[in-house]
Structures are given as structure tokens and as C-alpha cells.
């Protein structure tokens, strides 16, 4: 409980720091007053239409990424598992890439996020069909790797054949991931999918605890593994699909956060889920704040920063596992 309270306090603090950080140089009192009352002209516009959506998306997407990573690692019993393992994020990115390349994103404001959600839905259906109704963790992983590789190859093909260099540049920048230039419309579009997906993943707590004993032992305890797998895939598809739809590709949150918090939760998956959600929100909010402070004039992308932090941690994790096996 102390851990959750500490993480919640950290998230609240980072949320307010996110609201108060930006190039406009607004005062704290004026900013908060304009945010609450809606009065103050340009100050209210900056707070309500620029900073508030950015902070809300950072909170929700970070929580979704951390939670999905913890659920994925618990279900697959694989410390290297993360939300992108089953191909949802790459398929959602493919949908967004197609909308940018075809010009739909320019013709219709929400074509890009809707196309990304459609890509995630298609990937989810294909994943379940390939893994089969009774397929185990290995079938799920192999199907996800195949879908991820195919989606990545198709995205690269679109970039390779793009006749418009401006569209190609826009695709590359979008795939780097960012929370800037988002509005409350993006929040309202993504929030239902994010919240439904997170609710589904939270419900897996007892099943994940049972799976620590192995699939046979979990089945003997009355855990429906096929249903749990379906909930995992659907919940991940909703949460990660919506995240990619509005923020692009932001990696490593779902891998790093569960590993940092697992020792503090007694290695119990059910206890790790809420902690990972709060930890993911805190990490993404902190990373987004850092992008505004490190190089505000160069528009440092959020996905680039998380990769720079997460990749060395990933290598350290592999090295640690290798030493334990030696």
C-alpha cells in the first residue's frame, strides 16, 4: 500500500509539473487559475487546449503501457516480454502509416488515429486466429512475432515506395512518438479504448497469480487459460492500439517499469499490475517533461528519449539473466 501511495503522489506531482512546463513561461498562479476558470485569454487557451491534453494523454498512455507490460510478462512468464511482442503496436503503426501515405490523414482530422485503431483490431483478430483457440504462450509469442515482422516490413515498404518526400518525412516523425500538438479531441477519442483495455488487464490479477505455479497448476485451480489469453489480447489491443493511435510508437515503458517495481511487490503479478500502471504514468510524464527541457527548440521526440533510456536497461537485463544462468 505504501508503494502505491508513493507512486500515486509521484504521478500527481509530475502531472502538475507537466501542466506548468512549456516555452510560454506562464506563472504558476495564473496558469492554474486560467485552467480552472477558463478565463485569461491566451493563457487559458494554452492551458486548456495544449498543456492539459498533453498531460492527460501522458498519464493514460503511460499507465496503459506499464500495465500491459506487467500483464504480458505475467501471462507469458517471460521477463523480456513487452506489449509490442504480440504485434499490436506495429500493426497500429502500419494503419497510421497508410493513412498518412494515402492522404487520408490530411483530408480528415481523425483519419490517422482511426486507421491506427483499425490496424490494431485487425492484428488482434489475426493473432487470435493464428494462435488458435487453445494455443499456449509459445503459439501466442510466435504469432505475435510474425505479425510484428509483417507489419514492420509493410510499413518499410510504404516508406520505400512513397513518391512524396514530405509524406515520408511526416511518417518518420510520427513513428518517433510524441504527445505534442494533441488536443482534447484526441483525449476523448483515446480515453474509452484506454480505460476499457486497462480494466480488462486489471481483471487478470488472480489468473496471473495462478500462472506463477505453471499452466497445469493454474488449470487445476479453476483458471480458464483460454479466456485469460483472450482477455489479455483484447485488453492489450485496446490499450496499446489507442496509445499508438494518438501518440505514435513509444517503446520500452512496458518493459522497464515492471522490472523496476517487481522486487517491491513481492514478485506477485496481481500486486504488480496497479504499481506498474502508476509507474508507467510517472515514467512517461517525466520523459515528456524532459523532452520540453532538454531541447525545447529542436522538438525532441518522446519515443526517441524512452528508447535511449530503455535500450541500455534492456541490455543490462539480458546481461543479468545471462549471469544468473551461468
C-alpha atoms as a PDB file:
ATOM      1  CA  UNK A   1       0.000   0.000   0.000  1.00  0.00           C
ATOM      2  CA  UNK A   2       2.852   2.383   0.811  1.00  0.00           C
ATOM      3  CA  UNK A   3       4.295   1.767  -2.625  1.00  0.00           C
ATOM      4  CA  UNK A   4       1.017   2.602  -4.357  1.00  0.00           C
ATOM      5  CA  UNK A   5       0.564   5.760  -2.271  1.00  0.00           C
ATOM      6  CA  UNK A   6       4.111   6.889  -3.063  1.00  0.00           C
ATOM      7  CA  UNK A   7       3.665   6.206  -6.773  1.00  0.00           C
ATOM      8  CA  UNK A   8       0.296   7.970  -6.823  1.00  0.00           C
ATOM      9  CA  UNK A   9       1.824  11.024  -5.143  1.00  0.00           C
ATOM     10  CA  UNK A  10       4.659  10.998  -7.688  1.00  0.00           C
ATOM     11  CA  UNK A  11       2.175  10.813 -10.578  1.00  0.00           C
ATOM     12  CA  UNK A  12       0.150  13.735  -9.199  1.00  0.00           C
ATOM     13  CA  UNK A  13       3.297  15.821  -8.768  1.00  0.00           C
ATOM     14  CA  UNK A  14       4.536  15.052 -12.289  1.00  0.00           C
ATOM     15  CA  UNK A  15       1.085  15.772 -13.711  1.00  0.00           C
ATOM     16  CA  UNK A  16       1.147  19.292 -12.260  1.00  0.00           C
ATOM     17  CA  UNK A  17       4.752  19.800 -13.372  1.00  0.00           C
ATOM     18  CA  UNK A  18       3.680  18.791 -16.875  1.00  0.00           C
ATOM     19  CA  UNK A  19       0.883  21.357 -16.767  1.00  0.00           C
ATOM     20  CA  UNK A  20       3.310  24.088 -15.715  1.00  0.00           C
ATOM     21  CA  UNK A  21       6.179  23.261 -18.106  1.00  0.00           C
ATOM     22  CA  UNK A  22       6.426  24.823 -21.524  1.00  0.00           C
ATOM     23  CA  UNK A  23       8.027  27.544 -23.626  1.00  0.00           C
ATOM     24  CA  UNK A  24       5.302  30.086 -22.849  1.00  0.00           C
ATOM     25  CA  UNK A  25       6.814  30.901 -19.446  1.00  0.00           C
ATOM     26  CA  UNK A  26       3.480  31.262 -17.661  1.00  0.00           C
ATOM     27  CA  UNK A  27       3.285  31.852 -13.907  1.00  0.00           C
ATOM     28  CA  UNK A  28       2.012  29.063 -11.680  1.00  0.00           C
ATOM     29  CA  UNK A  29      -0.872  31.025 -10.159  1.00  0.00           C
ATOM     30  CA  UNK A  30      -2.082  32.493 -13.428  1.00  0.00           C
ATOM     31  CA  UNK A  31      -1.774  29.141 -15.189  1.00  0.00           C
ATOM     32  CA  UNK A  32      -3.801  27.173 -12.659  1.00  0.00           C
ATOM     33  CA  UNK A  33      -6.426  29.917 -12.393  1.00  0.00           C
ATOM     34  CA  UNK A  34      -6.815  30.022 -16.180  1.00  0.00           C
ATOM     35  CA  UNK A  35      -7.033  26.225 -16.315  1.00  0.00           C
ATOM     36  CA  UNK A  36      -9.824  26.074 -13.733  1.00  0.00           C
ATOM     37  CA  UNK A  37     -11.858  29.137 -14.672  1.00  0.00           C
ATOM     38  CA  UNK A  38     -11.221  29.243 -18.411  1.00  0.00           C
ATOM     39  CA  UNK A  39     -10.605  32.985 -18.144  1.00  0.00           C
ATOM     40  CA  UNK A  40      -7.442  34.765 -19.153  1.00  0.00           C
ATOM     41  CA  UNK A  41      -7.481  34.744 -22.931  1.00  0.00           C
ATOM     42  CA  UNK A  42      -4.294  33.235 -24.387  1.00  0.00           C
ATOM     43  CA  UNK A  43      -3.249  31.772 -21.025  1.00  0.00           C
ATOM     44  CA  UNK A  44      -6.490  29.778 -20.759  1.00  0.00           C
ATOM     45  CA  UNK A  45      -6.087  28.626 -24.350  1.00  0.00           C
ATOM     46  CA  UNK A  46      -2.561  27.360 -23.705  1.00  0.00           C
ATOM     47  CA  UNK A  47      -3.554  25.568 -20.506  1.00  0.00           C
ATOM     48  CA  UNK A  48      -6.832  24.005 -21.648  1.00  0.00           C
ATOM     49  CA  UNK A  49      -6.049  23.217 -25.285  1.00  0.00           C
ATOM     50  CA  UNK A  50      -2.311  22.463 -25.253  1.00  0.00           C
ATOM     51  CA  UNK A  51      -0.925  21.503 -21.859  1.00  0.00           C
ATOM     52  CA  UNK A  52      -3.946  19.752 -20.315  1.00  0.00           C
ATOM     53  CA  UNK A  53      -4.445  17.287 -23.219  1.00  0.00           C
ATOM     54  CA  UNK A  54      -0.717  16.560 -23.244  1.00  0.00           C
ATOM     55  CA  UNK A  55      -0.650  15.828 -19.519  1.00  0.00           C
ATOM     56  CA  UNK A  56      -3.817  13.692 -19.640  1.00  0.00           C
ATOM     57  CA  UNK A  57      -2.516  11.625 -22.546  1.00  0.00           C
ATOM     58  CA  UNK A  58       0.833  11.164 -20.817  1.00  0.00           C
ATOM     59  CA  UNK A  59      -0.984   9.941 -17.702  1.00  0.00           C
ATOM     60  CA  UNK A  60      -3.290   7.496 -19.504  1.00  0.00           C
ATOM     61  CA  UNK A  61      -0.854   6.199 -22.118  1.00  0.00           C
ATOM     62  CA  UNK A  62       1.940   5.713 -19.594  1.00  0.00           C
ATOM     63  CA  UNK A  63      -0.421   3.787 -17.310  1.00  0.00           C
ATOM     64  CA  UNK A  64      -1.611   1.644 -20.220  1.00  0.00           C
ATOM     65  CA  UNK A  65       1.940   0.828 -21.354  1.00  0.00           C
ATOM     66  CA  UNK A  66       3.135  -0.074 -17.852  1.00  0.00           C
ATOM     67  CA  UNK A  67       0.054  -2.161 -17.114  1.00  0.00           C
ATOM     68  CA  UNK A  68       0.171  -4.005 -20.447  1.00  0.00           C
ATOM     69  CA  UNK A  69       3.837  -4.810 -19.940  1.00  0.00           C
ATOM     70  CA  UNK A  70       3.224  -6.227 -16.463  1.00  0.00           C
ATOM     71  CA  UNK A  71       0.262  -8.297 -17.676  1.00  0.00           C
ATOM     72  CA  UNK A  72       2.208  -9.596 -20.670  1.00  0.00           C
ATOM     73  CA  UNK A  73       5.199 -10.620 -18.578  1.00  0.00           C
ATOM     74  CA  UNK A  74       2.971 -12.287 -16.006  1.00  0.00           C
ATOM     75  CA  UNK A  75       0.920 -14.255 -18.512  1.00  0.00           C
ATOM     76  CA  UNK A  76       3.855 -15.370 -20.663  1.00  0.00           C
ATOM     77  CA  UNK A  77       6.132 -15.799 -17.614  1.00  0.00           C
ATOM     78  CA  UNK A  78       8.835 -14.136 -19.670  1.00  0.00           C
ATOM     79  CA  UNK A  79      10.806 -11.209 -18.182  1.00  0.00           C
ATOM     80  CA  UNK A  80      11.642  -9.953 -21.682  1.00  0.00           C
ATOM     81  CA  UNK A  81       8.013  -9.711 -22.805  1.00  0.00           C
ATOM     82  CA  UNK A  82       6.509  -6.303 -23.555  1.00  0.00           C
ATOM     83  CA  UNK A  83       3.354  -5.026 -25.308  1.00  0.00           C
ATOM     84  CA  UNK A  84       4.971  -4.874 -28.738  1.00  0.00           C
ATOM     85  CA  UNK A  85       5.779  -8.590 -28.613  1.00  0.00           C
ATOM     86  CA  UNK A  86       2.395  -9.667 -29.998  1.00  0.00           C
ATOM     87  CA  UNK A  87       2.425  -7.216 -32.893  1.00  0.00           C
ATOM     88  CA  UNK A  88      -0.355  -4.851 -31.786  1.00  0.00           C
ATOM     89  CA  UNK A  89       1.772  -1.690 -31.765  1.00  0.00           C
ATOM     90  CA  UNK A  90       3.424  -2.364 -35.128  1.00  0.00           C
ATOM     91  CA  UNK A  91       0.058  -3.100 -36.735  1.00  0.00           C
ATOM     92  CA  UNK A  92      -1.444   0.079 -35.323  1.00  0.00           C
ATOM     93  CA  UNK A  93       1.569   1.969 -36.665  1.00  0.00           C
ATOM     94  CA  UNK A  94       1.011   0.391 -40.083  1.00  0.00           C
ATOM     95  CA  UNK A  95      -2.569   1.655 -40.134  1.00  0.00           C
ATOM     96  CA  UNK A  96      -1.382   5.162 -39.294  1.00  0.00           C
ATOM     97  CA  UNK A  97       1.365   4.998 -41.937  1.00  0.00           C
ATOM     98  CA  UNK A  98      -1.167   4.037 -44.613  1.00  0.00           C
ATOM     99  CA  UNK A  99      -3.440   6.933 -43.640  1.00  0.00           C
ATOM    100  CA  UNK A 100      -0.523   9.361 -43.915  1.00  0.00           C
ATOM    101  CA  UNK A 101       0.703   7.959 -47.222  1.00  0.00           C
ATOM    102  CA  UNK A 102      -2.727   7.934 -48.882  1.00  0.00           C
ATOM    103  CA  UNK A 103      -3.541  11.466 -47.757  1.00  0.00           C
ATOM    104  CA  UNK A 104      -6.477  10.438 -45.579  1.00  0.00           C
ATOM    105  CA  UNK A 105      -4.810  11.999 -42.536  1.00  0.00           C
ATOM    106  CA  UNK A 106      -4.717  15.365 -44.325  1.00  0.00           C
ATOM    107  CA  UNK A 107      -8.288  15.098 -45.585  1.00  0.00           C
ATOM    108  CA  UNK A 108      -9.853  14.047 -42.274  1.00  0.00           C
ATOM    109  CA  UNK A 109      -8.531  15.127 -38.885  1.00  0.00           C
ATOM    110  CA  UNK A 110      -9.113  11.807 -37.144  1.00  0.00           C
ATOM    111  CA  UNK A 111      -8.255   9.505 -40.039  1.00  0.00           C
ATOM    112  CA  UNK A 112      -4.830   8.763 -38.544  1.00  0.00           C
ATOM    113  CA  UNK A 113      -5.948   7.588 -35.069  1.00  0.00           C
ATOM    114  CA  UNK A 114      -8.925   5.718 -36.514  1.00  0.00           C
ATOM    115  CA  UNK A 115      -6.689   3.949 -39.036  1.00  0.00           C
ATOM    116  CA  UNK A 116      -4.289   3.011 -36.240  1.00  0.00           C
ATOM    117  CA  UNK A 117      -7.161   1.587 -34.190  1.00  0.00           C
ATOM    118  CA  UNK A 118      -8.327  -0.370 -37.241  1.00  0.00           C
ATOM    119  CA  UNK A 119      -4.805  -1.776 -37.658  1.00  0.00           C
ATOM    120  CA  UNK A 120      -4.747  -2.858 -34.021  1.00  0.00           C
ATOM    121  CA  UNK A 121      -8.163  -4.526 -34.361  1.00  0.00           C
ATOM    122  CA  UNK A 122      -7.107  -6.400 -37.492  1.00  0.00           C
ATOM    123  CA  UNK A 123      -3.904  -7.509 -35.780  1.00  0.00           C
ATOM    124  CA  UNK A 124      -5.864  -8.753 -32.768  1.00  0.00           C
ATOM    125  CA  UNK A 125      -8.184 -10.850 -34.956  1.00  0.00           C
ATOM    126  CA  UNK A 126      -5.259 -12.253 -36.935  1.00  0.00           C
ATOM    127  CA  UNK A 127      -3.319 -13.029 -33.767  1.00  0.00           C
ATOM    128  CA  UNK A 128      -6.192 -14.988 -32.234  1.00  0.00           C
ATOM    129  CA  UNK A 129      -6.779 -16.848 -35.493  1.00  0.00           C
ATOM    130  CA  UNK A 130      -3.108 -17.826 -35.867  1.00  0.00           C
ATOM    131  CA  UNK A 131      -2.598 -18.809 -32.234  1.00  0.00           C
ATOM    132  CA  UNK A 132      -5.771 -20.923 -32.232  1.00  0.00           C
ATOM    133  CA  UNK A 133      -8.468 -21.158 -29.559  1.00  0.00           C
ATOM    134  CA  UNK A 134      -6.353 -23.383 -27.283  1.00  0.00           C
ATOM    135  CA  UNK A 135      -2.876 -22.256 -28.213  1.00  0.00           C
ATOM    136  CA  UNK A 136      -0.422 -21.764 -25.385  1.00  0.00           C
ATOM    137  CA  UNK A 137       2.057 -18.999 -24.633  1.00  0.00           C
ATOM    138  CA  UNK A 138       4.527 -20.190 -27.266  1.00  0.00           C
ATOM    139  CA  UNK A 139       1.913 -20.077 -30.031  1.00  0.00           C
ATOM    140  CA  UNK A 140       0.918 -16.576 -28.948  1.00  0.00           C
ATOM    141  CA  UNK A 141       4.525 -15.361 -28.986  1.00  0.00           C
ATOM    142  CA  UNK A 142       5.311 -16.885 -32.386  1.00  0.00           C
ATOM    143  CA  UNK A 143       2.117 -15.494 -33.930  1.00  0.00           C
ATOM    144  CA  UNK A 144       2.867 -12.064 -32.467  1.00  0.00           C
ATOM    145  CA  UNK A 145       6.432 -12.076 -33.793  1.00  0.00           C
ATOM    146  CA  UNK A 146       5.180 -12.999 -37.260  1.00  0.00           C
ATOM    147  CA  UNK A 147       2.557 -10.227 -37.245  1.00  0.00           C
ATOM    148  CA  UNK A 148       5.051  -7.698 -35.925  1.00  0.00           C
ATOM    149  CA  UNK A 149       7.594  -8.601 -38.603  1.00  0.00           C
ATOM    150  CA  UNK A 150       4.990  -8.424 -41.361  1.00  0.00           C
ATOM    151  CA  UNK A 151       3.640  -5.071 -40.168  1.00  0.00           C
ATOM    152  CA  UNK A 152       7.131  -3.642 -39.889  1.00  0.00           C
ATOM    153  CA  UNK A 153       8.005  -4.851 -43.382  1.00  0.00           C
ATOM    154  CA  UNK A 154       4.830  -3.340 -44.854  1.00  0.00           C
ATOM    155  CA  UNK A 155       5.497  -0.011 -43.126  1.00  0.00           C
ATOM    156  CA  UNK A 156       9.017  -0.012 -44.552  1.00  0.00           C
ATOM    157  CA  UNK A 157       7.601  -0.860 -47.977  1.00  0.00           C
ATOM    158  CA  UNK A 158       5.228   2.100 -47.829  1.00  0.00           C
ATOM    159  CA  UNK A 159       8.146   4.385 -46.955  1.00  0.00           C
ATOM    160  CA  UNK A 160      10.308   2.852 -49.673  1.00  0.00           C
ATOM    161  CA  UNK A 161       7.692   3.352 -52.398  1.00  0.00           C
ATOM    162  CA  UNK A 162       6.495   6.749 -51.243  1.00  0.00           C
ATOM    163  CA  UNK A 163       6.690   9.235 -54.138  1.00  0.00           C
ATOM    164  CA  UNK A 164       6.160  12.183 -51.805  1.00  0.00           C
ATOM    165  CA  UNK A 165       9.212  13.069 -49.666  1.00  0.00           C
ATOM    166  CA  UNK A 166       7.084  15.270 -47.418  1.00  0.00           C
ATOM    167  CA  UNK A 167       4.717  12.391 -46.634  1.00  0.00           C
ATOM    168  CA  UNK A 168       7.695  10.118 -45.949  1.00  0.00           C
ATOM    169  CA  UNK A 169       9.205  12.659 -43.565  1.00  0.00           C
ATOM    170  CA  UNK A 170       5.869  13.057 -41.780  1.00  0.00           C
ATOM    171  CA  UNK A 171       5.606   9.290 -41.388  1.00  0.00           C
ATOM    172  CA  UNK A 172       9.111   9.051 -39.927  1.00  0.00           C
ATOM    173  CA  UNK A 173       8.493  11.872 -37.451  1.00  0.00           C
ATOM    174  CA  UNK A 174       5.146  10.402 -36.391  1.00  0.00           C
ATOM    175  CA  UNK A 175       6.670   6.967 -35.786  1.00  0.00           C
ATOM    176  CA  UNK A 176       9.143   8.521 -33.349  1.00  0.00           C
ATOM    177  CA  UNK A 177       6.281   9.131 -30.918  1.00  0.00           C
ATOM    178  CA  UNK A 178       5.198  12.386 -29.284  1.00  0.00           C
ATOM    179  CA  UNK A 179       2.482  13.983 -27.162  1.00  0.00           C
ATOM    180  CA  UNK A 180       2.865  17.487 -28.570  1.00  0.00           C
ATOM    181  CA  UNK A 181       0.187  19.112 -30.731  1.00  0.00           C
ATOM    182  CA  UNK A 182      -2.577  16.940 -29.289  1.00  0.00           C
ATOM    183  CA  UNK A 183      -5.996  18.311 -28.377  1.00  0.00           C
ATOM    184  CA  UNK A 184      -8.826  17.331 -26.078  1.00  0.00           C
ATOM    185  CA  UNK A 185     -10.443  15.656 -29.086  1.00  0.00           C
ATOM    186  CA  UNK A 186      -7.568  13.159 -29.069  1.00  0.00           C
ATOM    187  CA  UNK A 187      -8.134  12.619 -25.351  1.00  0.00           C
ATOM    188  CA  UNK A 188     -11.846  11.895 -25.840  1.00  0.00           C
ATOM    189  CA  UNK A 189     -11.089   9.600 -28.766  1.00  0.00           C
ATOM    190  CA  UNK A 190      -8.456   7.520 -26.966  1.00  0.00           C
ATOM    191  CA  UNK A 191      -9.826   7.522 -23.403  1.00  0.00           C
ATOM    192  CA  UNK A 192     -12.665   4.950 -23.861  1.00  0.00           C
ATOM    193  CA  UNK A 193     -10.316   2.436 -25.509  1.00  0.00           C
ATOM    194  CA  UNK A 194      -7.543   3.035 -22.980  1.00  0.00           C
ATOM    195  CA  UNK A 195      -9.845   2.707 -19.967  1.00  0.00           C
ATOM    196  CA  UNK A 196     -11.641  -0.389 -21.284  1.00  0.00           C
ATOM    197  CA  UNK A 197      -8.345  -2.050 -22.142  1.00  0.00           C
ATOM    198  CA  UNK A 198      -6.877  -1.263 -18.738  1.00  0.00           C
ATOM    199  CA  UNK A 199      -9.989  -2.566 -16.967  1.00  0.00           C
ATOM    200  CA  UNK A 200      -9.663  -5.849 -18.870  1.00  0.00           C
ATOM    201  CA  UNK A 201      -5.985  -6.178 -17.959  1.00  0.00           C
ATOM    202  CA  UNK A 202      -6.638  -5.405 -14.275  1.00  0.00           C
ATOM    203  CA  UNK A 203      -9.141  -8.279 -14.166  1.00  0.00           C
ATOM    204  CA  UNK A 204      -6.327 -10.734 -14.946  1.00  0.00           C
ATOM    205  CA  UNK A 205      -4.730 -10.388 -11.495  1.00  0.00           C
ATOM    206  CA  UNK A 206      -5.914 -13.699  -9.977  1.00  0.00           C
ATOM    207  CA  UNK A 207      -5.161 -15.622 -13.185  1.00  0.00           C
ATOM    208  CA  UNK A 208      -1.633 -14.212 -13.321  1.00  0.00           C
ATOM    209  CA  UNK A 209      -1.018 -15.210  -9.692  1.00  0.00           C
ATOM    210  CA  UNK A 210      -2.179 -18.733 -10.514  1.00  0.00           C
ATOM    211  CA  UNK A 211       0.055 -18.917 -13.574  1.00  0.00           C
ATOM    212  CA  UNK A 212       3.158 -18.414 -11.433  1.00  0.00           C
ATOM    213  CA  UNK A 213       2.679 -22.080 -10.469  1.00  0.00           C
ATOM    214  CA  UNK A 214       2.538 -23.184 -14.108  1.00  0.00           C
ATOM    215  CA  UNK A 215      -0.266 -23.712 -16.607  1.00  0.00           C
ATOM    216  CA  UNK A 216      -1.255 -27.149 -15.288  1.00  0.00           C
ATOM    217  CA  UNK A 217      -1.442 -25.938 -11.701  1.00  0.00           C
ATOM    218  CA  UNK A 218      -3.398 -22.849 -12.767  1.00  0.00           C
ATOM    219  CA  UNK A 219      -5.886 -25.007 -14.674  1.00  0.00           C
ATOM    220  CA  UNK A 220      -6.307 -27.234 -11.622  1.00  0.00           C
ATOM    221  CA  UNK A 221      -7.172 -24.129  -9.595  1.00  0.00           C
ATOM    222  CA  UNK A 222     -10.074 -23.424 -11.951  1.00  0.00           C
ATOM    223  CA  UNK A 223      -8.402 -20.710 -14.033  1.00  0.00           C
ATOM    224  CA  UNK A 224      -9.675 -20.652 -17.610  1.00  0.00           C
ATOM    225  CA  UNK A 225      -6.444 -20.142 -19.549  1.00  0.00           C
ATOM    226  CA  UNK A 226      -8.177 -19.696 -22.921  1.00  0.00           C
ATOM    227  CA  UNK A 227     -10.394 -16.950 -21.522  1.00  0.00           C
ATOM    228  CA  UNK A 228      -7.446 -15.290 -19.781  1.00  0.00           C
ATOM    229  CA  UNK A 229      -5.483 -15.277 -23.015  1.00  0.00           C
ATOM    230  CA  UNK A 230      -8.425 -13.740 -24.871  1.00  0.00           C
ATOM    231  CA  UNK A 231      -8.771 -11.015 -22.216  1.00  0.00           C
ATOM    232  CA  UNK A 232      -5.025 -10.349 -22.392  1.00  0.00           C
ATOM    233  CA  UNK A 233      -5.024  -9.958 -26.176  1.00  0.00           C
ATOM    234  CA  UNK A 234      -8.176  -7.830 -26.301  1.00  0.00           C
ATOM    235  CA  UNK A 235      -7.110  -5.638 -23.386  1.00  0.00           C
ATOM    236  CA  UNK A 236      -3.660  -5.114 -24.884  1.00  0.00           C
ATOM    237  CA  UNK A 237      -5.140  -4.388 -28.301  1.00  0.00           C
ATOM    238  CA  UNK A 238      -7.471  -1.732 -26.884  1.00  0.00           C
ATOM    239  CA  UNK A 239      -4.865  -0.076 -24.665  1.00  0.00           C
ATOM    240  CA  UNK A 240      -1.844  -0.232 -26.959  1.00  0.00           C
ATOM    241  CA  UNK A 241      -3.829   0.403 -30.132  1.00  0.00           C
ATOM    242  CA  UNK A 242      -5.270   3.593 -28.657  1.00  0.00           C
ATOM    243  CA  UNK A 243      -1.844   4.636 -27.352  1.00  0.00           C
ATOM    244  CA  UNK A 244      -0.185   4.270 -30.743  1.00  0.00           C
ATOM    245  CA  UNK A 245      -3.164   5.918 -32.426  1.00  0.00           C
ATOM    246  CA  UNK A 246      -2.672   9.235 -30.640  1.00  0.00           C
ATOM    247  CA  UNK A 247       0.997   9.221 -29.579  1.00  0.00           C
ATOM    248  CA  UNK A 248       2.843   7.133 -32.156  1.00  0.00           C
ATOM    249  CA  UNK A 249       5.371   4.489 -31.166  1.00  0.00           C
ATOM    250  CA  UNK A 250       6.617   4.917 -27.594  1.00  0.00           C
ATOM    251  CA  UNK A 251       8.665   1.911 -26.552  1.00  0.00           C
ATOM    252  CA  UNK A 252      10.340   0.369 -23.521  1.00  0.00           C
ATOM    253  CA  UNK A 253       7.898   1.724 -20.892  1.00  0.00           C
ATOM    254  CA  UNK A 254       6.141  -1.650 -20.743  1.00  0.00           C
ATOM    255  CA  UNK A 255       9.472  -3.457 -20.424  1.00  0.00           C
ATOM    256  CA  UNK A 256      11.320  -1.242 -17.949  1.00  0.00           C
ATOM    257  CA  UNK A 257       8.625  -0.302 -15.430  1.00  0.00           C
ATOM    258  CA  UNK A 258       7.536  -3.833 -14.387  1.00  0.00           C
ATOM    259  CA  UNK A 259      11.159  -4.836 -13.802  1.00  0.00           C
ATOM    260  CA  UNK A 260      11.847  -1.809 -11.642  1.00  0.00           C
ATOM    261  CA  UNK A 261       8.785  -2.401  -9.471  1.00  0.00           C
ATOM    262  CA  UNK A 262       8.605  -6.216  -9.336  1.00  0.00           C
ATOM    263  CA  UNK A 263      11.033  -6.578  -6.373  1.00  0.00           C
ATOM    264  CA  UNK A 264       8.947  -4.040  -4.416  1.00  0.00           C
ATOM    265  CA  UNK A 265       5.713  -6.032  -4.840  1.00  0.00           C
ATOM    266  CA  UNK A 266       6.936  -9.397  -3.644  1.00  0.00           C
ATOM    267  CA  UNK A 267       7.033 -10.635  -7.251  1.00  0.00           C
ATOM    268  CA  UNK A 268       3.242 -11.128  -7.176  1.00  0.00           C
ATOM    269  CA  UNK A 269       1.718 -10.288 -10.585  1.00  0.00           C
ATOM    270  CA  UNK A 270      -1.612  -9.141  -9.145  1.00  0.00           C
ATOM    271  CA  UNK A 271       0.123  -6.607  -6.897  1.00  0.00           C
ATOM    272  CA  UNK A 272       2.418  -5.549  -9.710  1.00  0.00           C
ATOM    273  CA  UNK A 273      -0.421  -4.524 -12.054  1.00  0.00           C
ATOM    274  CA  UNK A 274      -1.543  -1.322 -10.233  1.00  0.00           C
ATOM    275  CA  UNK A 275       2.045  -0.445  -9.352  1.00  0.00           C
ATOM    276  CA  UNK A 276       3.131  -0.829 -12.987  1.00  0.00           C
ATOM    277  CA  UNK A 277       0.234   1.343 -14.157  1.00  0.00           C
ATOM    278  CA  UNK A 278       1.231   4.150 -11.788  1.00  0.00           C
ATOM    279  CA  UNK A 279       4.920   3.657 -12.543  1.00  0.00           C
ATOM    280  CA  UNK A 280       4.287   3.784 -16.276  1.00  0.00           C
ATOM    281  CA  UNK A 281       2.315   7.007 -15.914  1.00  0.00           C
ATOM    282  CA  UNK A 282       5.107   8.541 -13.831  1.00  0.00           C
ATOM    283  CA  UNK A 283       7.829   7.496 -16.271  1.00  0.00           C
ATOM    284  CA  UNK A 284       6.035   8.750 -19.368  1.00  0.00           C
ATOM    285  CA  UNK A 285       5.099  12.062 -17.739  1.00  0.00           C
ATOM    286  CA  UNK A 286       8.713  12.512 -16.621  1.00  0.00           C
ATOM    287  CA  UNK A 287      10.009  11.665 -20.110  1.00  0.00           C
ATOM    288  CA  UNK A 288       7.586  14.104 -21.724  1.00  0.00           C
ATOM    289  CA  UNK A 289       8.659  16.843 -19.328  1.00  0.00           C
ATOM    290  CA  UNK A 290      12.278  16.058 -20.173  1.00  0.00           C
ATOM    291  CA  UNK A 291      11.646  16.487 -23.912  1.00  0.00           C
ATOM    292  CA  UNK A 292      10.496  20.040 -23.213  1.00  0.00           C
ATOM    293  CA  UNK A 293      13.503  20.856 -21.026  1.00  0.00           C
ATOM    294  CA  UNK A 294      16.411  19.150 -22.817  1.00  0.00           C
ATOM    295  CA  UNK A 295      15.970  20.587 -26.308  1.00  0.00           C
ATOM    296  CA  UNK A 296      12.811  22.699 -26.484  1.00  0.00           C
ATOM    297  CA  UNK A 297      13.827  24.371 -29.731  1.00  0.00           C
ATOM    298  CA  UNK A 298      14.606  21.064 -31.540  1.00  0.00           C
ATOM    299  CA  UNK A 299      11.365  19.162 -30.773  1.00  0.00           C
ATOM    300  CA  UNK A 300      12.983  16.098 -29.202  1.00  0.00           C
ATOM    301  CA  UNK A 301      10.633  13.162 -29.782  1.00  0.00           C
ATOM    302  CA  UNK A 302       9.255  11.234 -26.820  1.00  0.00           C
ATOM    303  CA  UNK A 303       9.836   7.808 -28.373  1.00  0.00           C
ATOM    304  CA  UNK A 304      13.477   8.668 -29.035  1.00  0.00           C
ATOM    305  CA  UNK A 305      14.057   9.602 -25.400  1.00  0.00           C
ATOM    306  CA  UNK A 306      12.348   6.499 -23.993  1.00  0.00           C
ATOM    307  CA  UNK A 307      14.393   4.317 -26.362  1.00  0.00           C
ATOM    308  CA  UNK A 308      17.636   5.995 -25.285  1.00  0.00           C
ATOM    309  CA  UNK A 309      16.763   5.245 -21.652  1.00  0.00           C
ATOM    310  CA  UNK A 310      15.152   1.852 -22.191  1.00  0.00           C
ATOM    311  CA  UNK A 311      17.625   0.209 -24.569  1.00  0.00           C
ATOM    312  CA  UNK A 312      20.576   0.262 -22.113  1.00  0.00           C
ATOM    313  CA  UNK A 313      18.273  -1.115 -19.422  1.00  0.00           C
ATOM    314  CA  UNK A 314      17.219  -3.894 -21.800  1.00  0.00           C
ATOM    315  CA  UNK A 315      20.865  -4.781 -22.449  1.00  0.00           C
ATOM    316  CA  UNK A 316      21.557  -4.737 -18.708  1.00  0.00           C
ATOM    317  CA  UNK A 317      18.623  -7.073 -18.153  1.00  0.00           C
ATOM    318  CA  UNK A 318      19.914  -9.541 -20.750  1.00  0.00           C
ATOM    319  CA  UNK A 319      23.379  -9.415 -19.181  1.00  0.00           C
ATOM    320  CA  UNK A 320      21.904 -10.025 -15.727  1.00  0.00           C
ATOM    321  CA  UNK A 321      19.893 -13.025 -16.944  1.00  0.00           C
ATOM    322  CA  UNK A 322      22.981 -14.425 -18.639  1.00  0.00           C
ATOM    323  CA  UNK A 323      24.970 -14.188 -15.399  1.00  0.00           C
ATOM    324  CA  UNK A 324      22.189 -15.915 -13.458  1.00  0.00           C
ATOM    325  CA  UNK A 325      22.157 -18.782 -15.961  1.00  0.00           C
ATOM    326  CA  UNK A 326      25.943 -19.167 -15.896  1.00  0.00           C
END
